[in-house]
Protein backbone atom coordinates (compact mmCIF):
# COMPACT_ATOMS: atom_id res chain seq x y z
CA MET A 1 104.42 91.22 78.49
CA PHE A 2 104.84 93.06 81.69
CA PHE A 3 108.16 91.69 82.45
CA LEU A 4 109.28 92.47 79.25
CA GLU A 5 108.48 95.94 79.36
CA PHE A 6 109.82 96.71 82.35
CA LEU A 7 112.71 95.00 81.71
CA ILE A 8 113.15 97.35 78.19
CA VAL A 9 112.33 100.70 80.67
CA ILE A 10 115.03 99.41 82.88
CA ILE A 11 118.00 99.00 80.35
CA LEU A 12 116.27 102.26 78.62
CA GLY A 13 116.71 104.23 82.18
CA LEU A 14 120.13 102.89 82.34
CA VAL A 15 121.55 103.98 78.97
CA LEU A 16 119.54 107.65 79.41
CA GLY A 17 121.45 107.34 82.91
CA SER A 18 124.86 107.57 81.13
CA PHE A 19 123.58 110.46 79.20
CA ALA A 20 122.74 112.52 81.78
CA THR A 21 125.98 111.59 83.48
CA ALA A 22 127.58 112.42 80.41
CA MET A 23 125.58 115.92 80.16
CA ILE A 24 126.47 116.65 84.04
CA TYR A 25 130.17 116.29 83.62
CA ARG A 26 130.45 118.20 80.02
CA ILE A 27 128.20 120.86 79.86
CA PRO A 28 129.29 123.05 82.65
CA ARG A 29 132.94 122.47 81.12
CA GLY A 30 132.00 123.78 77.62
CA ILE A 31 132.31 120.00 76.06
CA PRO A 32 129.96 119.20 73.67
CA TRP A 33 127.49 116.71 74.97
CA ALA A 34 126.10 115.10 71.61
CA PHE A 35 127.95 115.91 68.56
CA ALA A 36 130.87 118.39 67.68
CA GLY A 37 133.01 119.44 64.17
CA ASN A 38 135.96 116.89 63.17
CA ASN A 39 139.59 118.44 62.97
CA ASN A 40 139.29 117.53 59.07
CA SER A 41 136.71 118.64 58.53
CA ASP A 42 133.18 120.61 58.44
CA GLU A 43 131.03 117.20 59.40
CA MET A 44 129.73 117.09 62.84
CA THR A 45 130.44 113.64 64.31
CA ALA A 46 129.78 112.15 68.10
CA TYR A 47 131.94 113.57 70.63
CA ARG A 48 133.74 110.59 72.33
CA SER A 49 133.80 109.65 75.76
CA SER A 50 137.03 109.41 77.52
CA CYS A 51 138.46 108.92 81.27
CA THR A 52 138.26 112.46 83.06
CA SER A 53 141.72 111.61 84.84
CA CYS A 54 144.10 110.34 81.99
CA LYS A 55 141.86 111.33 79.18
CA GLU A 56 141.68 108.01 77.70
CA ARG A 57 139.10 107.33 75.23
CA LEU A 58 136.80 104.94 76.49
CA LYS A 59 135.93 101.41 74.52
CA PRO A 60 132.29 100.17 74.78
CA ILE A 61 132.94 97.62 77.25
CA ASP A 62 133.59 101.00 79.11
CA LEU A 63 130.50 102.39 78.39
CA ILE A 64 128.25 99.70 79.77
CA PRO A 65 126.03 101.69 82.29
CA LEU A 66 126.37 100.46 86.13
CA PHE A 67 127.79 97.34 85.18
CA SER A 68 131.05 99.10 83.72
CA TRP A 69 131.37 100.40 87.06
CA LEU A 70 130.68 97.73 89.22
CA LEU A 71 133.30 95.38 87.02
CA THR A 72 136.09 98.04 87.40
CA LYS A 73 135.70 98.49 91.32
CA GLY A 74 134.71 101.87 90.80
CA LYS A 75 137.94 102.68 88.45
CA CYS A 76 139.40 103.70 85.75
CA ARG A 77 140.52 100.79 83.72
CA TYR A 78 142.87 102.03 82.64
CA CYS A 79 144.77 104.65 85.19
CA HIS A 80 142.94 103.06 87.93
CA GLU A 81 141.66 106.34 89.03
CA PRO A 82 138.56 106.01 91.26
CA ILE A 83 135.32 106.91 89.82
CA SER A 84 133.15 108.72 91.41
CA ILE A 85 129.68 106.76 92.93
CA LYS A 86 128.06 110.08 91.47
CA TYR A 87 127.88 108.31 88.21
CA PRO A 88 126.12 105.26 88.78
CA LEU A 89 123.57 106.52 91.39
CA THR A 90 122.86 109.18 88.84
CA GLU A 91 121.83 106.35 86.60
CA ILE A 92 120.23 104.03 89.29
CA VAL A 93 118.05 107.73 89.71
CA VAL A 94 116.97 107.97 85.81
CA VAL A 95 116.23 103.91 86.19
CA LEU A 96 113.74 104.94 88.82
CA ALA A 97 112.39 108.14 87.52
CA CYS A 98 111.75 105.62 84.44
CA LEU A 99 109.85 103.14 85.97
CA SER A 100 107.60 105.59 88.03
CA ILE A 101 106.58 107.02 84.81
CA TYR A 102 105.82 103.60 83.61
CA PHE A 103 103.83 102.45 85.80
CA ILE A 104 101.39 105.35 85.97
CA PHE A 105 101.27 106.21 82.08
CA GLY A 106 102.45 102.64 80.61
CA PHE A 107 104.22 102.70 77.16
CA SER A 108 101.34 105.40 76.00
CA LEU A 109 102.86 108.64 74.03
CA LYS A 110 103.07 110.55 76.76
CA GLY A 111 104.88 108.33 78.84
CA CYS A 112 107.37 108.25 76.16
CA LEU A 113 107.72 111.75 76.59
CA LEU A 114 108.15 111.97 79.75
CA ILE A 115 110.76 109.38 80.18
CA SER A 116 112.21 111.61 77.15
CA LEU A 117 112.32 114.27 79.44
CA VAL A 118 114.08 112.39 82.68
CA PRO A 119 117.72 112.58 81.99
CA PHE A 120 117.41 116.52 80.72
CA LEU A 121 115.78 116.81 84.30
CA VAL A 122 118.53 114.94 86.15
CA ALA A 123 120.99 116.40 84.20
CA LEU A 124 120.06 120.16 85.02
CA PHE A 125 119.14 119.25 89.12
CA VAL A 126 122.62 118.12 89.22
CA VAL A 127 124.56 120.60 87.48
CA ASP A 128 122.52 123.06 89.77
CA LEU A 129 123.67 121.58 92.62
CA GLU A 130 127.53 121.31 91.84
CA HIS A 131 127.23 124.77 89.80
CA MET A 132 124.65 126.76 90.79
CA ILE A 133 123.88 127.16 87.20
CA LEU A 134 120.55 125.94 84.84
CA PRO A 135 122.37 125.88 81.22
CA ASN A 136 120.18 127.46 79.04
CA GLU A 137 120.86 124.15 76.67
CA LEU A 138 119.37 121.67 79.33
CA VAL A 139 116.15 124.08 79.77
CA PHE A 140 115.33 124.40 75.96
CA VAL A 141 115.42 120.79 75.25
CA ILE A 142 113.31 120.61 78.23
CA GLY A 143 111.09 123.30 76.43
CA PHE A 144 111.04 121.72 73.05
CA ILE A 145 109.55 118.53 74.37
CA ALA A 146 107.12 120.37 75.97
CA LEU A 147 106.01 122.16 72.74
CA ILE A 148 106.00 118.43 70.97
CA ASN A 149 103.80 117.38 73.41
CA MET A 150 101.69 120.00 72.89
CA ALA A 151 101.45 119.89 69.42
CA LEU A 152 100.83 115.84 69.99
CA GLU A 153 97.55 117.28 72.23
CA TRP A 154 96.90 119.73 69.33
CA ILE A 155 96.79 116.67 66.58
CA ARG A 156 94.84 114.17 69.10
CA THR A 157 91.87 116.94 70.27
CA ASP A 158 91.99 119.26 67.20
CA ASP A 159 91.97 122.44 69.23
CA ILE A 160 94.25 125.06 69.08
CA PHE A 161 92.97 126.71 72.32
CA ILE A 162 95.95 124.03 73.41
CA ILE A 163 98.89 125.56 72.06
CA LEU A 164 97.40 129.29 72.96
CA GLU A 165 96.80 127.84 76.78
CA GLY A 166 100.56 126.69 76.55
CA ILE A 167 102.16 129.85 75.28
CA SER A 168 99.77 131.83 78.02
CA SER A 169 100.92 129.76 80.84
CA ALA A 170 104.01 130.09 80.12
CA ALA A 171 104.29 133.92 80.06
CA ILE A 172 102.21 133.91 83.13
CA TYR A 173 104.38 131.78 85.09
CA GLY A 174 107.48 133.92 83.93
CA LEU A 175 106.18 136.74 84.71
CA LEU A 176 105.05 136.33 88.24
CA ILE A 177 108.22 134.48 89.07
CA TRP A 178 109.97 137.54 87.88
CA PHE A 179 108.14 139.77 90.15
CA LEU A 180 108.35 138.08 93.10
CA GLY A 181 111.76 137.54 92.69
CA CYS A 182 112.22 141.39 92.24
CA PHE A 183 110.23 141.76 95.28
CA MET A 184 112.35 139.39 97.12
CA SER A 185 115.75 141.03 96.15
CA ARG A 186 114.48 144.20 97.30
CA VAL A 187 113.18 143.00 100.58
CA LEU A 188 116.85 140.89 101.17
CA LYS A 189 118.88 143.58 99.56
CA ARG A 190 120.74 140.70 97.77
CA GLN A 191 119.54 138.69 94.44
CA ALA A 192 116.95 136.43 95.54
CA LEU A 193 115.89 134.49 92.16
CA GLY A 194 118.92 133.87 88.97
CA PHE A 195 117.29 134.21 85.74
CA GLY A 196 118.05 130.54 84.96
CA ASP A 197 114.99 129.81 87.48
CA VAL A 198 112.98 132.39 85.75
CA LYS A 199 113.47 130.62 82.34
CA PHE A 200 112.64 127.24 83.99
CA PHE A 201 109.28 128.74 85.32
CA ILE A 202 108.38 129.81 81.99
CA VAL A 203 109.02 126.25 80.77
CA ALA A 204 107.17 124.90 83.32
CA GLY A 205 104.25 126.74 82.30
CA LEU A 206 104.32 124.84 79.33
CA TRP A 207 104.13 121.50 80.67
CA LEU A 208 101.70 122.57 83.81
CA GLY A 209 99.24 124.62 82.31
CA LEU A 210 97.00 127.48 84.22
CA GLU A 211 95.33 124.94 86.61
CA ASN A 212 98.65 123.86 87.99
CA LEU A 213 100.20 127.07 88.52
CA SER A 214 99.38 127.51 92.26
CA PHE A 215 100.44 123.77 93.24
CA PHE A 216 103.74 124.38 91.30
CA PHE A 217 104.34 127.38 93.54
CA LEU A 218 103.20 125.99 96.60
CA LEU A 219 105.44 122.70 95.38
CA SER A 220 108.16 124.34 94.67
CA GLY A 221 108.17 126.70 97.79
CA LEU A 222 108.05 122.99 99.81
CA PHE A 223 110.33 121.62 98.40
CA GLY A 224 112.92 124.81 98.61
CA ILE A 225 112.46 125.14 102.50
CA VAL A 226 113.81 121.33 102.06
CA PHE A 227 116.25 121.74 100.14
CA ALA A 228 117.54 124.93 102.03
CA ILE A 229 117.61 123.12 105.23
CA VAL A 230 119.52 120.32 104.08
CA TRP A 231 121.95 122.46 102.14
CA LYS A 232 122.47 124.85 105.25
CA TRP A 233 123.23 121.67 107.38
CA LEU A 234 125.31 119.96 104.79
CA LYS A 235 127.46 122.89 103.41
CA GLU A 236 126.53 125.62 105.99
CA GLU A 237 125.88 128.35 103.31
CA SER A 238 122.74 130.46 103.47
CA LEU A 239 122.86 130.97 99.77
CA PHE A 240 121.33 127.75 97.90
CA PRO A 241 120.19 126.78 94.47
CA PHE A 242 116.52 126.57 93.89
CA GLY A 243 116.74 124.66 91.06
CA PRO A 244 116.39 121.38 92.26
CA ALA A 245 113.53 122.38 93.82
CA LEU A 246 111.59 123.43 90.67
CA ILE A 247 112.81 120.37 88.91
CA ALA A 248 111.60 118.37 91.35
CA ALA A 249 108.10 119.98 91.65
CA LEU A 250 107.80 119.53 88.06
CA TYR A 251 108.46 116.16 88.03
CA VAL A 252 106.21 115.53 90.96
CA LEU A 253 103.16 117.22 89.33
CA LEU A 254 103.83 115.21 85.87
CA LEU A 255 103.48 112.12 87.23
CA MET A 256 100.30 113.13 89.19
CA ASP A 257 98.53 114.54 86.24
CA GLY A 258 99.11 111.03 84.98
CA SER A 259 97.60 109.59 88.09
CA LEU A 260 94.84 111.99 88.10
CA LEU A 261 93.75 110.86 84.33
CA LEU A 262 93.73 106.98 85.91
């Protein structure tokens, strides 16, 4: 049974990883990542994947996560242009993130919700690294899944306080980081924090609650320092995206919550 579940998580992780790569490419370019209007009608249909070089529509055999890239030796089947290694690497990262959740939560309802969260977190992480933006649609999806988690906890415990605590936590997280960002901007005489980061703090509050507020701030700061050092070493730039530090901190704390429950 464990081997079967392990295999299911790997396959699911690869599929979610492929979904994450589609969002990473499409969202910053304004391309629909799920559904788009049909040219001949108002009907919404799935937006088909295509080669980023020759624009050839990809067939099912070209869309097998990881293995399609390996079989074609990292090149487009049609125009033979190289396909970036970031796509299979992203899929592998999503698989590893899903496996980590499975090992801690199993196939529980909480575990399944967190696994559904992974492709959006990874897509947000990479998009911020590449474009220094945290797209609203990705942040809102993460917040929406948090609301589902809160609603399920409310149903399970019949305690309305769970909803109230989540909303108040989101407000406190957002206000604190907004005030801190304003203060740092005055000190540094430049914008220290983007509004996308503030929105992500609000969403993190929905997930973590007030009891994890200090841990989230501390872990985000530590990750931020590490990312800043690596960014300056690789890019030789002092300005770096803070979103990846926030995303990593949220993911780690969500895993720690499960490990503490065990």
